[in-house]
Amino acid sequence: MSRNARINTLLLLVVVALAVLPLALGLGDHKEEPFTGADAQAEAAITENAPDYEPWFSPLYEPPSGEVESALFSLQAALGAGVLAYYFGLRRGRRQGEERAGAGGAAEPPAASGE
């Protein structure tokens, strides 16, 4: 197994462990909604500490349900990953093209026929 394959396998195992361990160890069992986002936790802390707090702004769009909100967040993440993948693929392709052009440019071009 090559060094890169070992590193990739190790990274994959770390990601899986980060996703599975909190569920397997029961972290957050004492909470009503154990794996809510930071926004919901901040809102709960603010309402607990200052019940008369009025927000300065209101959202432009309030999704009708948590599922729609989750789907929109997933769509946003997928679009961002797609843009990043396109960018890095484009850079790699340009670099490979420059390397091929540099390697091919060192040799003399074939003589043109008909002269």
Protein backbone atom coordinates (compact mmCIF):
# COMPACT_ATOMS: atom_id res chain seq x y z
CA MET A 1 0.00 0.00 0.00
CA SER A 2 1.47 3.34 -1.02
CA ARG A 3 2.04 6.19 1.39
CA ASN A 4 -0.80 8.25 -0.10
CA ALA A 5 -3.24 5.34 0.18
CA ARG A 6 -2.32 4.89 3.86
CA ILE A 7 -2.81 8.59 4.57
CA ASN A 8 -6.15 8.62 2.75
CA THR A 9 -7.31 5.52 4.63
CA LEU A 10 -6.27 7.06 7.95
CA LEU A 11 -8.09 10.31 7.15
CA LEU A 12 -11.21 8.39 6.16
CA LEU A 13 -11.12 6.45 9.44
CA VAL A 14 -10.75 9.71 11.41
CA VAL A 15 -13.76 11.23 9.63
CA VAL A 16 -15.86 8.12 10.27
CA ALA A 17 -14.79 8.12 13.93
CA LEU A 18 -15.75 11.79 14.29
CA ALA A 19 -19.19 11.04 12.87
CA VAL A 20 -19.88 7.79 14.75
CA LEU A 21 -18.26 8.27 18.18
CA PRO A 22 -20.64 10.98 19.46
CA LEU A 23 -23.58 8.77 18.56
CA ALA A 24 -22.04 5.58 19.93
CA LEU A 25 -20.91 7.16 23.20
CA GLY A 26 -24.29 8.78 23.77
CA LEU A 27 -22.92 12.30 23.97
CA GLY A 28 -25.79 14.72 24.33
CA ASP A 29 -28.29 12.20 25.74
CA HIS A 30 -29.12 14.56 28.58
CA LYS A 31 -30.31 17.26 26.15
CA GLU A 32 -33.74 17.56 24.53
CA GLU A 33 -32.22 18.10 21.07
CA PRO A 34 -28.66 16.81 21.40
CA PHE A 35 -27.20 17.74 18.02
CA THR A 36 -28.71 21.13 17.24
CA GLY A 37 -26.66 23.79 15.51
CA ALA A 38 -24.82 26.64 17.15
CA ASP A 39 -27.55 29.11 16.15
CA ALA A 40 -30.22 27.23 18.08
CA GLN A 41 -27.94 26.83 21.10
CA ALA A 42 -27.10 30.55 21.06
CA GLU A 43 -30.77 31.46 20.82
CA ALA A 44 -31.58 29.21 23.78
CA ALA A 45 -28.78 30.74 25.85
CA ILE A 46 -29.90 34.29 25.03
CA THR A 47 -33.54 33.64 25.90
CA GLU A 48 -32.44 31.99 29.14
CA ASN A 49 -30.15 34.86 30.18
CA ALA A 50 -32.21 37.79 28.85
CA PRO A 51 -35.86 36.85 28.28
CA ASP A 52 -36.79 40.39 27.19
CA TYR A 53 -34.13 40.52 24.43
CA GLU A 54 -35.38 41.78 21.04
CA PRO A 55 -33.37 40.76 17.95
CA TRP A 56 -32.12 43.62 15.78
CA PHE A 57 -32.88 41.88 12.48
CA SER A 58 -35.32 39.30 11.20
CA PRO A 59 -34.51 36.66 8.56
CA LEU A 60 -35.33 37.46 4.93
CA TYR A 61 -36.76 33.98 4.42
CA GLU A 62 -38.02 31.59 7.09
CA PRO A 63 -38.26 27.99 5.80
CA PRO A 64 -41.60 26.31 6.55
CA SER A 65 -40.00 23.35 8.34
CA GLY A 66 -36.72 22.01 9.63
CA GLU A 67 -36.54 19.55 6.75
CA VAL A 68 -36.69 22.34 4.16
CA GLU A 69 -34.05 24.28 6.07
CA SER A 70 -31.84 21.20 6.18
CA ALA A 71 -32.35 20.59 2.46
CA LEU A 72 -31.41 24.19 1.63
CA PHE A 73 -28.31 23.92 3.78
CA SER A 74 -27.35 20.66 2.04
CA LEU A 75 -27.88 22.27 -1.35
CA GLN A 76 -25.67 25.19 -0.33
CA ALA A 77 -22.94 22.80 0.83
CA ALA A 78 -23.16 20.76 -2.39
CA LEU A 79 -22.92 23.87 -4.57
CA GLY A 80 -19.92 25.09 -2.58
CA ALA A 81 -18.21 21.71 -2.88
CA GLY A 82 -18.91 21.70 -6.62
CA VAL A 83 -17.39 25.16 -7.09
CA LEU A 84 -14.30 24.17 -5.11
CA ALA A 85 -13.92 20.89 -7.00
CA TYR A 86 -14.24 22.72 -10.33
CA TYR A 87 -11.65 25.29 -9.30
CA PHE A 88 -9.10 22.75 -8.10
CA GLY A 89 -9.71 20.53 -11.13
CA LEU A 90 -9.22 23.48 -13.46
CA ARG A 91 -5.97 24.43 -11.73
CA ARG A 92 -4.70 20.87 -11.92
CA GLY A 93 -5.63 20.58 -15.58
CA ARG A 94 -3.86 23.83 -16.42
CA ARG A 95 -0.76 22.72 -14.52
CA GLN A 96 -0.73 19.37 -16.33
CA GLY A 97 -1.21 21.14 -19.66
CA GLU A 98 1.71 23.46 -18.94
CA GLU A 99 3.89 20.47 -17.97
CA ARG A 100 3.01 18.64 -21.20
CA ALA A 101 3.59 21.76 -23.25
CA GLY A 102 6.94 22.31 -21.53
CA ALA A 103 8.02 18.71 -22.10
CA GLY A 104 6.89 18.75 -25.73
CA GLY A 105 8.39 22.18 -26.43
CA ALA A 106 11.94 20.98 -25.73
CA ALA A 107 11.93 18.59 -28.69
CA GLU A 108 12.24 19.95 -32.23
CA PRO A 109 9.00 20.10 -34.19
CA PRO A 110 8.78 17.71 -37.16
CA ALA A 111 9.72 19.17 -40.53
CA ALA A 112 6.77 20.34 -42.58
CA SER A 113 6.24 18.42 -45.79
CA GLY A 114 5.81 20.25 -49.08
CA GLU A 115 8.57 22.84 -48.69
